[in-house]
């Protein structure tokens, strides 16, 4: 019996070797849950290099911008189908950054004629001022600054005021809002059940924001010890997930990665790379979701 068992194992391993030898691919296979699918093996020669699509702000140098914010790139413009370097994956938006305002300080008044800015407060507290409008901001607050409006940010606390910052360039013919939008995810009714485990909370704005791109933002959580459905996206979808609380596991393509606060990934728009976040702990985890859905235009 022992001889037969060894023979059967050898046959199975031989079969895998033959299969591997036959599958010298020239294009990346479609992902599948089937046991006999081509994608059930890794194919380094054609697999998407998912490490180019995820980046942390610690990997970039700080620069001063927008009236005195200390900014560090997370994702930058590039080619989402063939990134020239790590994080250079943006097609439709101009920048995806982390920005910090030092304790008990403020930015100079600043105005940008052709770009709009979305801020999400990650930590700290302060105030935003634009024209006659003044609003308190703290963790979970979103601010949308329309193109052409002057604004100022003030840190009223003894700790740093930290933001995730998304910049879009307005398109010809686009008419921006005439006042800033301020909202909080805490005021939103959660939507549950998307991709098995996502619990989404949009931002309840005082003034509905207008974007030049077909995009929106939400805070997403996953309950303790749960996993989101792995799924893919195709051309025209610019979807970004930034961890803002907790340290999660991320199924990304055929790899399992850690994702830390301040780290963001763009889902490759090639219908080849599944993504699914995992809360493997008993604690809370939060992500900032951005969906820029050019693939939904005209539908």
C-alpha atoms as a PDB file:
ATOM      1  CA  UNK A   1       0.000   0.000   0.000  1.00  0.00           C
ATOM      2  CA  UNK A   2       2.861   2.340   0.835  1.00  0.00           C
ATOM      3  CA  UNK A   3       4.373   1.748  -2.619  1.00  0.00           C
ATOM      4  CA  UNK A   4       1.024   2.512  -4.298  1.00  0.00           C
ATOM      5  CA  UNK A   5       0.602   5.735  -2.271  1.00  0.00           C
ATOM      6  CA  UNK A   6       4.086   6.922  -3.205  1.00  0.00           C
ATOM      7  CA  UNK A   7       3.367   6.094  -6.859  1.00  0.00           C
ATOM      8  CA  UNK A   8       0.093   8.061  -6.810  1.00  0.00           C
ATOM      9  CA  UNK A   9       1.746  11.082  -5.220  1.00  0.00           C
ATOM     10  CA  UNK A  10       4.508  10.948  -7.810  1.00  0.00           C
ATOM     11  CA  UNK A  11       1.930  10.803 -10.595  1.00  0.00           C
ATOM     12  CA  UNK A  12       0.088  13.819  -9.202  1.00  0.00           C
ATOM     13  CA  UNK A  13       3.296  15.821  -8.866  1.00  0.00           C
ATOM     14  CA  UNK A  14       4.323  14.780 -12.352  1.00  0.00           C
ATOM     15  CA  UNK A  15       0.970  15.945 -13.644  1.00  0.00           C
ATOM     16  CA  UNK A  16       1.446  19.349 -12.005  1.00  0.00           C
ATOM     17  CA  UNK A  17       4.925  19.588 -13.535  1.00  0.00           C
ATOM     18  CA  UNK A  18       3.617  18.775 -16.996  1.00  0.00           C
ATOM     19  CA  UNK A  19       0.781  21.287 -16.572  1.00  0.00           C
ATOM     20  CA  UNK A  20       3.227  23.970 -15.456  1.00  0.00           C
ATOM     21  CA  UNK A  21       5.496  23.254 -18.381  1.00  0.00           C
ATOM     22  CA  UNK A  22       2.603  23.508 -20.842  1.00  0.00           C
ATOM     23  CA  UNK A  23       1.347  26.828 -19.450  1.00  0.00           C
ATOM     24  CA  UNK A  24       3.957  29.270 -20.707  1.00  0.00           C
ATOM     25  CA  UNK A  25       1.560  32.163 -21.091  1.00  0.00           C
ATOM     26  CA  UNK A  26       1.824  35.318 -23.158  1.00  0.00           C
ATOM     27  CA  UNK A  27      -1.158  37.065 -21.541  1.00  0.00           C
ATOM     28  CA  UNK A  28      -2.337  37.141 -17.952  1.00  0.00           C
ATOM     29  CA  UNK A  29      -5.143  34.621 -17.331  1.00  0.00           C
ATOM     30  CA  UNK A  30      -8.617  35.591 -16.201  1.00  0.00           C
ATOM     31  CA  UNK A  31      -9.026  35.140 -12.425  1.00  0.00           C
ATOM     32  CA  UNK A  32     -11.278  32.286 -11.418  1.00  0.00           C
ATOM     33  CA  UNK A  33     -12.324  30.320  -8.344  1.00  0.00           C
ATOM     34  CA  UNK A  34     -12.335  27.062 -10.341  1.00  0.00           C
ATOM     35  CA  UNK A  35      -9.880  24.438  -9.156  1.00  0.00           C
ATOM     36  CA  UNK A  36      -8.752  23.646 -12.697  1.00  0.00           C
ATOM     37  CA  UNK A  37      -8.428  27.286 -13.839  1.00  0.00           C
ATOM     38  CA  UNK A  38      -5.206  28.508 -15.411  1.00  0.00           C
ATOM     39  CA  UNK A  39      -5.133  31.286 -12.812  1.00  0.00           C
ATOM     40  CA  UNK A  40      -4.811  28.801  -9.940  1.00  0.00           C
ATOM     41  CA  UNK A  41      -1.053  29.016 -10.455  1.00  0.00           C
ATOM     42  CA  UNK A  42       1.187  32.079 -10.352  1.00  0.00           C
ATOM     43  CA  UNK A  43       2.633  33.158 -13.680  1.00  0.00           C
ATOM     44  CA  UNK A  44       5.335  35.760 -12.886  1.00  0.00           C
ATOM     45  CA  UNK A  45       6.147  36.301 -16.544  1.00  0.00           C
ATOM     46  CA  UNK A  46       2.671  37.779 -17.235  1.00  0.00           C
ATOM     47  CA  UNK A  47       1.050  38.486 -13.848  1.00  0.00           C
ATOM     48  CA  UNK A  48       0.335  42.138 -13.018  1.00  0.00           C
ATOM     49  CA  UNK A  49       3.017  43.493 -10.689  1.00  0.00           C
ATOM     50  CA  UNK A  50       0.644  44.500  -7.905  1.00  0.00           C
ATOM     51  CA  UNK A  51       3.481  46.033  -5.856  1.00  0.00           C
ATOM     52  CA  UNK A  52       3.481  48.986  -8.279  1.00  0.00           C
ATOM     53  CA  UNK A  53      -0.154  49.765  -7.385  1.00  0.00           C
ATOM     54  CA  UNK A  54       0.182  50.141  -3.602  1.00  0.00           C
ATOM     55  CA  UNK A  55       2.227  52.803  -1.859  1.00  0.00           C
ATOM     56  CA  UNK A  56       2.720  54.516   1.513  1.00  0.00           C
ATOM     57  CA  UNK A  57       3.366  58.231   2.002  1.00  0.00           C
ATOM     58  CA  UNK A  58       6.562  57.349   3.877  1.00  0.00           C
ATOM     59  CA  UNK A  59       8.115  56.465   0.501  1.00  0.00           C
ATOM     60  CA  UNK A  60       8.004  60.089  -0.727  1.00  0.00           C
ATOM     61  CA  UNK A  61       9.785  63.250   0.325  1.00  0.00           C
ATOM     62  CA  UNK A  62       7.845  66.031   2.064  1.00  0.00           C
ATOM     63  CA  UNK A  63       7.114  69.265   0.213  1.00  0.00           C
ATOM     64  CA  UNK A  64       5.330  72.431   1.296  1.00  0.00           C
ATOM     65  CA  UNK A  65       2.211  73.341  -0.643  1.00  0.00           C
ATOM     66  CA  UNK A  66      -1.262  74.862  -0.586  1.00  0.00           C
ATOM     67  CA  UNK A  67      -0.449  77.673   1.803  1.00  0.00           C
ATOM     68  CA  UNK A  68       1.772  75.767   4.216  1.00  0.00           C
ATOM     69  CA  UNK A  69       0.653  72.132   4.315  1.00  0.00           C
ATOM     70  CA  UNK A  70       3.400  69.508   4.515  1.00  0.00           C
ATOM     71  CA  UNK A  71       2.473  67.141   1.676  1.00  0.00           C
ATOM     72  CA  UNK A  72       3.751  63.687   0.757  1.00  0.00           C
ATOM     73  CA  UNK A  73       2.640  61.775  -2.337  1.00  0.00           C
ATOM     74  CA  UNK A  74       0.943  58.408  -2.053  1.00  0.00           C
ATOM     75  CA  UNK A  75      -0.198  57.900  -5.663  1.00  0.00           C
ATOM     76  CA  UNK A  76       0.853  60.027  -8.645  1.00  0.00           C
ATOM     77  CA  UNK A  77      -0.041  60.418 -12.349  1.00  0.00           C
ATOM     78  CA  UNK A  78       1.187  57.642 -14.611  1.00  0.00           C
ATOM     79  CA  UNK A  79      -0.174  54.710 -16.568  1.00  0.00           C
ATOM     80  CA  UNK A  80      -2.666  52.510 -14.680  1.00  0.00           C
ATOM     81  CA  UNK A  81      -2.060  49.650 -17.115  1.00  0.00           C
ATOM     82  CA  UNK A  82       1.748  49.898 -17.129  1.00  0.00           C
ATOM     83  CA  UNK A  83       3.028  52.017 -14.210  1.00  0.00           C
ATOM     84  CA  UNK A  84       6.469  53.515 -14.881  1.00  0.00           C
ATOM     85  CA  UNK A  85       7.282  53.372 -11.153  1.00  0.00           C
ATOM     86  CA  UNK A  86       5.712  52.479  -7.817  1.00  0.00           C
ATOM     87  CA  UNK A  87       2.529  54.481  -7.218  1.00  0.00           C
ATOM     88  CA  UNK A  88       2.465  56.173 -10.651  1.00  0.00           C
ATOM     89  CA  UNK A  89      -1.003  54.885 -11.537  1.00  0.00           C
ATOM     90  CA  UNK A  90      -3.387  57.869 -11.737  1.00  0.00           C
ATOM     91  CA  UNK A  91      -5.143  58.613 -15.015  1.00  0.00           C
ATOM     92  CA  UNK A  92      -8.022  60.967 -14.161  1.00  0.00           C
ATOM     93  CA  UNK A  93      -7.024  62.759 -10.951  1.00  0.00           C
ATOM     94  CA  UNK A  94      -3.904  64.837 -10.428  1.00  0.00           C
ATOM     95  CA  UNK A  95      -2.748  63.813  -6.959  1.00  0.00           C
ATOM     96  CA  UNK A  96      -3.474  61.544  -4.023  1.00  0.00           C
ATOM     97  CA  UNK A  97      -1.539  62.679  -0.946  1.00  0.00           C
ATOM     98  CA  UNK A  98      -1.153  62.841   2.785  1.00  0.00           C
ATOM     99  CA  UNK A  99      -1.067  66.412   4.111  1.00  0.00           C
ATOM    100  CA  UNK A 100      -0.262  67.684   7.610  1.00  0.00           C
ATOM    101  CA  UNK A 101      -0.755  71.037   9.311  1.00  0.00           C
ATOM    102  CA  UNK A 102       1.456  71.492  12.349  1.00  0.00           C
ATOM    103  CA  UNK A 103      -0.046  72.115  15.838  1.00  0.00           C
ATOM    104  CA  UNK A 104      -1.388  75.603  16.598  1.00  0.00           C
ATOM    105  CA  UNK A 105      -0.688  76.876  13.085  1.00  0.00           C
ATOM    106  CA  UNK A 106      -2.580  77.852   9.948  1.00  0.00           C
ATOM    107  CA  UNK A 107      -2.156  77.947   6.218  1.00  0.00           C
ATOM    108  CA  UNK A 108      -1.914  81.182   4.294  1.00  0.00           C
ATOM    109  CA  UNK A 109      -5.024  82.054   2.273  1.00  0.00           C
ATOM    110  CA  UNK A 110      -4.764  80.112  -0.981  1.00  0.00           C
ATOM    111  CA  UNK A 111      -6.775  79.933  -4.187  1.00  0.00           C
ATOM    112  CA  UNK A 112      -6.377  77.476  -7.085  1.00  0.00           C
ATOM    113  CA  UNK A 113      -8.026  78.439 -10.352  1.00  0.00           C
ATOM    114  CA  UNK A 114      -8.052  75.096 -12.156  1.00  0.00           C
ATOM    115  CA  UNK A 115      -8.004  72.483  -9.432  1.00  0.00           C
ATOM    116  CA  UNK A 116     -10.478  71.287  -6.825  1.00  0.00           C
ATOM    117  CA  UNK A 117      -9.430  69.604  -3.608  1.00  0.00           C
ATOM    118  CA  UNK A 118     -11.058  66.944  -1.457  1.00  0.00           C
ATOM    119  CA  UNK A 119      -9.772  66.737   2.110  1.00  0.00           C
ATOM    120  CA  UNK A 120     -10.576  63.946   4.556  1.00  0.00           C
ATOM    121  CA  UNK A 121      -9.491  64.591   8.150  1.00  0.00           C
ATOM    122  CA  UNK A 122      -7.674  61.505   9.436  1.00  0.00           C
ATOM    123  CA  UNK A 123      -6.760  62.899  12.860  1.00  0.00           C
ATOM    124  CA  UNK A 124      -6.711  66.155  14.775  1.00  0.00           C
ATOM    125  CA  UNK A 125      -9.108  69.087  14.899  1.00  0.00           C
ATOM    126  CA  UNK A 126      -9.321  72.599  13.576  1.00  0.00           C
ATOM    127  CA  UNK A 127     -11.257  75.010  11.395  1.00  0.00           C
ATOM    128  CA  UNK A 128     -11.727  75.710   7.693  1.00  0.00           C
ATOM    129  CA  UNK A 129     -12.524  79.241   6.513  1.00  0.00           C
ATOM    130  CA  UNK A 130     -13.633  80.317   3.042  1.00  0.00           C
ATOM    131  CA  UNK A 131     -15.207  83.710   2.493  1.00  0.00           C
ATOM    132  CA  UNK A 132     -17.841  84.262   5.158  1.00  0.00           C
ATOM    133  CA  UNK A 133     -18.077  80.519   5.879  1.00  0.00           C
ATOM    134  CA  UNK A 134     -16.318  79.035   8.889  1.00  0.00           C
ATOM    135  CA  UNK A 135     -16.694  75.402   9.985  1.00  0.00           C
ATOM    136  CA  UNK A 136     -15.098  73.155  12.633  1.00  0.00           C
ATOM    137  CA  UNK A 137     -13.354  70.032  11.374  1.00  0.00           C
ATOM    138  CA  UNK A 138     -12.145  66.866  13.089  1.00  0.00           C
ATOM    139  CA  UNK A 139     -11.600  63.152  12.435  1.00  0.00           C
ATOM    140  CA  UNK A 140     -14.104  61.931   9.834  1.00  0.00           C
ATOM    141  CA  UNK A 141     -14.782  65.364   8.339  1.00  0.00           C
ATOM    142  CA  UNK A 142     -14.644  65.848   4.573  1.00  0.00           C
ATOM    143  CA  UNK A 143     -14.063  69.211   2.892  1.00  0.00           C
ATOM    144  CA  UNK A 144     -14.432  69.939  -0.820  1.00  0.00           C
ATOM    145  CA  UNK A 145     -12.777  73.148  -2.033  1.00  0.00           C
ATOM    146  CA  UNK A 146     -14.201  74.272  -5.421  1.00  0.00           C
ATOM    147  CA  UNK A 147     -11.860  75.683  -8.038  1.00  0.00           C
ATOM    148  CA  UNK A 148     -11.330  79.435  -7.715  1.00  0.00           C
ATOM    149  CA  UNK A 149     -12.326  79.806  -4.050  1.00  0.00           C
ATOM    150  CA  UNK A 150      -9.915  81.163  -1.472  1.00  0.00           C
ATOM    151  CA  UNK A 151      -9.659  79.117   1.725  1.00  0.00           C
ATOM    152  CA  UNK A 152      -7.606  78.752   4.871  1.00  0.00           C
ATOM    153  CA  UNK A 153      -7.056  75.829   7.264  1.00  0.00           C
ATOM    154  CA  UNK A 154      -6.383  76.331  10.979  1.00  0.00           C
ATOM    155  CA  UNK A 155      -5.077  73.746  13.450  1.00  0.00           C
ATOM    156  CA  UNK A 156      -6.559  74.652  16.841  1.00  0.00           C
ATOM    157  CA  UNK A 157      -5.071  71.689  18.742  1.00  0.00           C
ATOM    158  CA  UNK A 158      -1.753  70.626  20.245  1.00  0.00           C
ATOM    159  CA  UNK A 159      -1.465  67.672  17.842  1.00  0.00           C
ATOM    160  CA  UNK A 160      -0.927  67.603  14.086  1.00  0.00           C
ATOM    161  CA  UNK A 161      -3.962  67.952  11.824  1.00  0.00           C
ATOM    162  CA  UNK A 162      -3.678  65.149   9.244  1.00  0.00           C
ATOM    163  CA  UNK A 163      -5.556  64.831   5.949  1.00  0.00           C
ATOM    164  CA  UNK A 164      -5.833  62.583   2.940  1.00  0.00           C
ATOM    165  CA  UNK A 165      -5.878  65.011   0.027  1.00  0.00           C
ATOM    166  CA  UNK A 166      -7.213  64.332  -3.489  1.00  0.00           C
ATOM    167  CA  UNK A 167      -6.747  66.876  -6.273  1.00  0.00           C
ATOM    168  CA  UNK A 168      -8.657  66.994  -9.554  1.00  0.00           C
ATOM    169  CA  UNK A 169      -8.202  69.387 -12.449  1.00  0.00           C
ATOM    170  CA  UNK A 170     -11.442  70.877 -13.714  1.00  0.00           C
ATOM    171  CA  UNK A 171     -12.437  70.317 -17.332  1.00  0.00           C
ATOM    172  CA  UNK A 172     -13.439  72.970 -19.899  1.00  0.00           C
ATOM    173  CA  UNK A 173     -17.062  73.978 -19.424  1.00  0.00           C
ATOM    174  CA  UNK A 174     -17.254  72.739 -15.844  1.00  0.00           C
ATOM    175  CA  UNK A 175     -18.890  75.247 -13.480  1.00  0.00           C
ATOM    176  CA  UNK A 176     -17.670  74.788  -9.883  1.00  0.00           C
ATOM    177  CA  UNK A 177     -19.674  75.462  -6.743  1.00  0.00           C
ATOM    178  CA  UNK A 178     -19.558  78.932  -5.226  1.00  0.00           C
ATOM    179  CA  UNK A 179     -18.938  77.762  -1.641  1.00  0.00           C
ATOM    180  CA  UNK A 180     -17.053  74.957   0.068  1.00  0.00           C
ATOM    181  CA  UNK A 181     -18.762  71.722   1.114  1.00  0.00           C
ATOM    182  CA  UNK A 182     -18.223  70.341   4.615  1.00  0.00           C
ATOM    183  CA  UNK A 183     -19.577  67.001   5.826  1.00  0.00           C
ATOM    184  CA  UNK A 184     -19.028  64.103   8.182  1.00  0.00           C
ATOM    185  CA  UNK A 185     -19.193  60.342   7.733  1.00  0.00           C
ATOM    186  CA  UNK A 186     -20.536  60.069  11.274  1.00  0.00           C
ATOM    187  CA  UNK A 187     -23.842  61.617  10.153  1.00  0.00           C
ATOM    188  CA  UNK A 188     -24.436  59.064   7.389  1.00  0.00           C
ATOM    189  CA  UNK A 189     -26.697  56.030   7.516  1.00  0.00           C
ATOM    190  CA  UNK A 190     -24.459  53.007   6.870  1.00  0.00           C
ATOM    191  CA  UNK A 191     -24.998  50.872   3.800  1.00  0.00           C
ATOM    192  CA  UNK A 192     -24.255  47.211   4.467  1.00  0.00           C
ATOM    193  CA  UNK A 193     -23.673  44.053   2.451  1.00  0.00           C
ATOM    194  CA  UNK A 194     -21.679  45.334  -0.517  1.00  0.00           C
ATOM    195  CA  UNK A 195     -19.036  42.742  -1.469  1.00  0.00           C
ATOM    196  CA  UNK A 196     -20.065  40.525   1.461  1.00  0.00           C
ATOM    197  CA  UNK A 197     -18.611  42.665   4.244  1.00  0.00           C
ATOM    198  CA  UNK A 198     -18.274  46.355   3.330  1.00  0.00           C
ATOM    199  CA  UNK A 199     -20.127  48.802   5.591  1.00  0.00           C
ATOM    200  CA  UNK A 200     -20.111  52.135   3.774  1.00  0.00           C
ATOM    201  CA  UNK A 201     -20.750  55.593   5.146  1.00  0.00           C
ATOM    202  CA  UNK A 202     -20.883  58.526   2.763  1.00  0.00           C
ATOM    203  CA  UNK A 203     -20.288  62.107   3.845  1.00  0.00           C
ATOM    204  CA  UNK A 204     -23.332  64.158   4.838  1.00  0.00           C
ATOM    205  CA  UNK A 205     -22.389  67.515   3.265  1.00  0.00           C
ATOM    206  CA  UNK A 206     -23.980  70.844   4.081  1.00  0.00           C
ATOM    207  CA  UNK A 207     -23.698  71.720   0.370  1.00  0.00           C
ATOM    208  CA  UNK A 208     -23.702  68.887  -2.197  1.00  0.00           C
ATOM    209  CA  UNK A 209     -20.237  68.957  -3.819  1.00  0.00           C
ATOM    210  CA  UNK A 210     -19.652  69.056  -7.558  1.00  0.00           C
ATOM    211  CA  UNK A 211     -16.765  67.176  -9.132  1.00  0.00           C
ATOM    212  CA  UNK A 212     -15.482  67.415 -12.686  1.00  0.00           C
ATOM    213  CA  UNK A 213     -14.964  63.639 -12.570  1.00  0.00           C
ATOM    214  CA  UNK A 214     -17.734  61.076 -11.939  1.00  0.00           C
ATOM    215  CA  UNK A 215     -16.382  60.324  -8.491  1.00  0.00           C
ATOM    216  CA  UNK A 216     -17.399  60.029  -4.874  1.00  0.00           C
ATOM    217  CA  UNK A 217     -15.931  59.194  -1.479  1.00  0.00           C
ATOM    218  CA  UNK A 218     -16.969  57.139   1.534  1.00  0.00           C
ATOM    219  CA  UNK A 219     -15.599  55.713   4.760  1.00  0.00           C
ATOM    220  CA  UNK A 220     -15.795  51.909   4.687  1.00  0.00           C
ATOM    221  CA  UNK A 221     -15.454  49.491   7.578  1.00  0.00           C
ATOM    222  CA  UNK A 222     -15.352  45.699   7.863  1.00  0.00           C
ATOM    223  CA  UNK A 223     -16.540  43.970  11.013  1.00  0.00           C
ATOM    224  CA  UNK A 224     -14.159  41.920  13.139  1.00  0.00           C
ATOM    225  CA  UNK A 225     -12.826  38.730  11.532  1.00  0.00           C
ATOM    226  CA  UNK A 226     -14.494  39.162   8.160  1.00  0.00           C
ATOM    227  CA  UNK A 227     -13.414  39.386   4.518  1.00  0.00           C
ATOM    228  CA  UNK A 228     -14.657  41.398   1.555  1.00  0.00           C
ATOM    229  CA  UNK A 229     -15.504  39.581  -1.665  1.00  0.00           C
ATOM    230  CA  UNK A 230     -12.477  39.491  -3.996  1.00  0.00           C
ATOM    231  CA  UNK A 231     -13.476  41.171  -7.258  1.00  0.00           C
ATOM    232  CA  UNK A 232     -11.911  42.963 -10.235  1.00  0.00           C
ATOM    233  CA  UNK A 233     -12.367  46.243 -12.120  1.00  0.00           C
ATOM    234  CA  UNK A 234     -11.881  47.157 -15.770  1.00  0.00           C
ATOM    235  CA  UNK A 235     -10.973  50.126 -17.996  1.00  0.00           C
ATOM    236  CA  UNK A 236     -12.316  53.510 -16.912  1.00  0.00           C
ATOM    237  CA  UNK A 237     -12.485  52.624 -13.219  1.00  0.00           C
ATOM    238  CA  UNK A 238     -10.143  54.586 -10.949  1.00  0.00           C
ATOM    239  CA  UNK A 239     -10.807  53.024  -7.537  1.00  0.00           C
ATOM    240  CA  UNK A 240      -8.552  53.770  -4.579  1.00  0.00           C
ATOM    241  CA  UNK A 241      -8.583  52.354  -1.044  1.00  0.00           C
ATOM    242  CA  UNK A 242      -6.580  54.072   1.698  1.00  0.00           C
ATOM    243  CA  UNK A 243      -6.285  52.537   5.144  1.00  0.00           C
ATOM    244  CA  UNK A 244      -7.097  55.146   7.802  1.00  0.00           C
ATOM    245  CA  UNK A 245      -7.484  52.984  10.924  1.00  0.00           C
ATOM    246  CA  UNK A 246      -6.125  49.545  11.809  1.00  0.00           C
ATOM    247  CA  UNK A 247      -3.647  47.283  10.030  1.00  0.00           C
ATOM    248  CA  UNK A 248      -5.369  44.875   7.669  1.00  0.00           C
ATOM    249  CA  UNK A 249      -4.614  41.974   5.403  1.00  0.00           C
ATOM    250  CA  UNK A 250      -5.195  42.560   1.705  1.00  0.00           C
ATOM    251  CA  UNK A 251      -5.777  39.896  -0.926  1.00  0.00           C
ATOM    252  CA  UNK A 252      -4.402  41.663  -4.008  1.00  0.00           C
ATOM    253  CA  UNK A 253      -4.132  39.633  -7.181  1.00  0.00           C
ATOM    254  CA  UNK A 254      -2.603  36.344  -6.067  1.00  0.00           C
ATOM    255  CA  UNK A 255      -0.695  37.883  -3.166  1.00  0.00           C
ATOM    256  CA  UNK A 256      -1.506  38.481   0.501  1.00  0.00           C
ATOM    257  CA  UNK A 257      -0.201  41.827   1.791  1.00  0.00           C
ATOM    258  CA  UNK A 258      -0.299  43.962   4.900  1.00  0.00           C
ATOM    259  CA  UNK A 259      -1.972  47.347   4.513  1.00  0.00           C
ATOM    260  CA  UNK A 260      -1.120  50.013   7.076  1.00  0.00           C
ATOM    261  CA  UNK A 261      -2.660  53.407   7.890  1.00  0.00           C
ATOM    262  CA  UNK A 262      -1.468  55.954   5.323  1.00  0.00           C
ATOM    263  CA  UNK A 263      -1.076  53.291   2.609  1.00  0.00           C
ATOM    264  CA  UNK A 264      -3.312  53.289  -0.461  1.00  0.00           C
ATOM    265  CA  UNK A 265      -3.772  51.085  -3.497  1.00  0.00           C
ATOM    266  CA  UNK A 266      -5.408  51.544  -6.878  1.00  0.00           C
ATOM    267  CA  UNK A 267      -7.171  48.516  -8.329  1.00  0.00           C
ATOM    268  CA  UNK A 268      -5.535  47.789 -11.712  1.00  0.00           C
ATOM    269  CA  UNK A 269      -8.231  48.499 -14.356  1.00  0.00           C
ATOM    270  CA  UNK A 270      -7.510  45.364 -16.380  1.00  0.00           C
ATOM    271  CA  UNK A 271     -10.093  42.870 -15.035  1.00  0.00           C
ATOM    272  CA  UNK A 272      -7.180  40.665 -13.928  1.00  0.00           C
ATOM    273  CA  UNK A 273      -6.453  41.592 -10.308  1.00  0.00           C
ATOM    274  CA  UNK A 274      -8.972  40.713  -7.578  1.00  0.00           C
ATOM    275  CA  UNK A 275      -8.862  42.748  -4.395  1.00  0.00           C
ATOM    276  CA  UNK A 276     -10.453  41.931  -1.046  1.00  0.00           C
ATOM    277  CA  UNK A 277      -9.658  43.500   2.320  1.00  0.00           C
ATOM    278  CA  UNK A 278      -9.600  41.342   5.449  1.00  0.00           C
ATOM    279  CA  UNK A 279     -10.166  42.350   9.053  1.00  0.00           C
ATOM    280  CA  UNK A 280      -8.338  39.554  10.830  1.00  0.00           C
ATOM    281  CA  UNK A 281      -8.639  41.218  14.255  1.00  0.00           C
ATOM    282  CA  UNK A 282     -11.246  41.908  16.941  1.00  0.00           C
ATOM    283  CA  UNK A 283     -10.842  45.671  16.503  1.00  0.00           C
ATOM    284  CA  UNK A 284     -12.244  48.345  14.169  1.00  0.00           C
ATOM    285  CA  UNK A 285     -10.773  49.011  10.738  1.00  0.00           C
ATOM    286  CA  UNK A 286     -11.545  51.900   8.401  1.00  0.00           C
ATOM    287  CA  UNK A 287     -10.693  52.745   4.807  1.00  0.00           C
ATOM    288  CA  UNK A 288     -11.237  55.871   2.711  1.00  0.00           C
ATOM    289  CA  UNK A 289     -12.820  54.731  -0.546  1.00  0.00           C
ATOM    290  CA  UNK A 290     -12.669  56.756  -3.758  1.00  0.00           C
ATOM    291  CA  UNK A 291     -14.625  55.587  -6.798  1.00  0.00           C
ATOM    292  CA  UNK A 292     -13.943  57.534 -10.005  1.00  0.00           C
ATOM    293  CA  UNK A 293     -16.237  55.644 -12.361  1.00  0.00           C
ATOM    294  CA  UNK A 294     -15.665  56.739 -15.939  1.00  0.00           C
ATOM    295  CA  UNK A 295     -16.749  53.221 -16.853  1.00  0.00           C
ATOM    296  CA  UNK A 296     -20.268  54.118 -15.650  1.00  0.00           C
ATOM    297  CA  UNK A 297     -20.670  57.197 -17.844  1.00  0.00           C
ATOM    298  CA  UNK A 298     -23.600  56.859 -20.233  1.00  0.00           C
ATOM    299  CA  UNK A 299     -25.072  53.879 -18.368  1.00  0.00           C
END
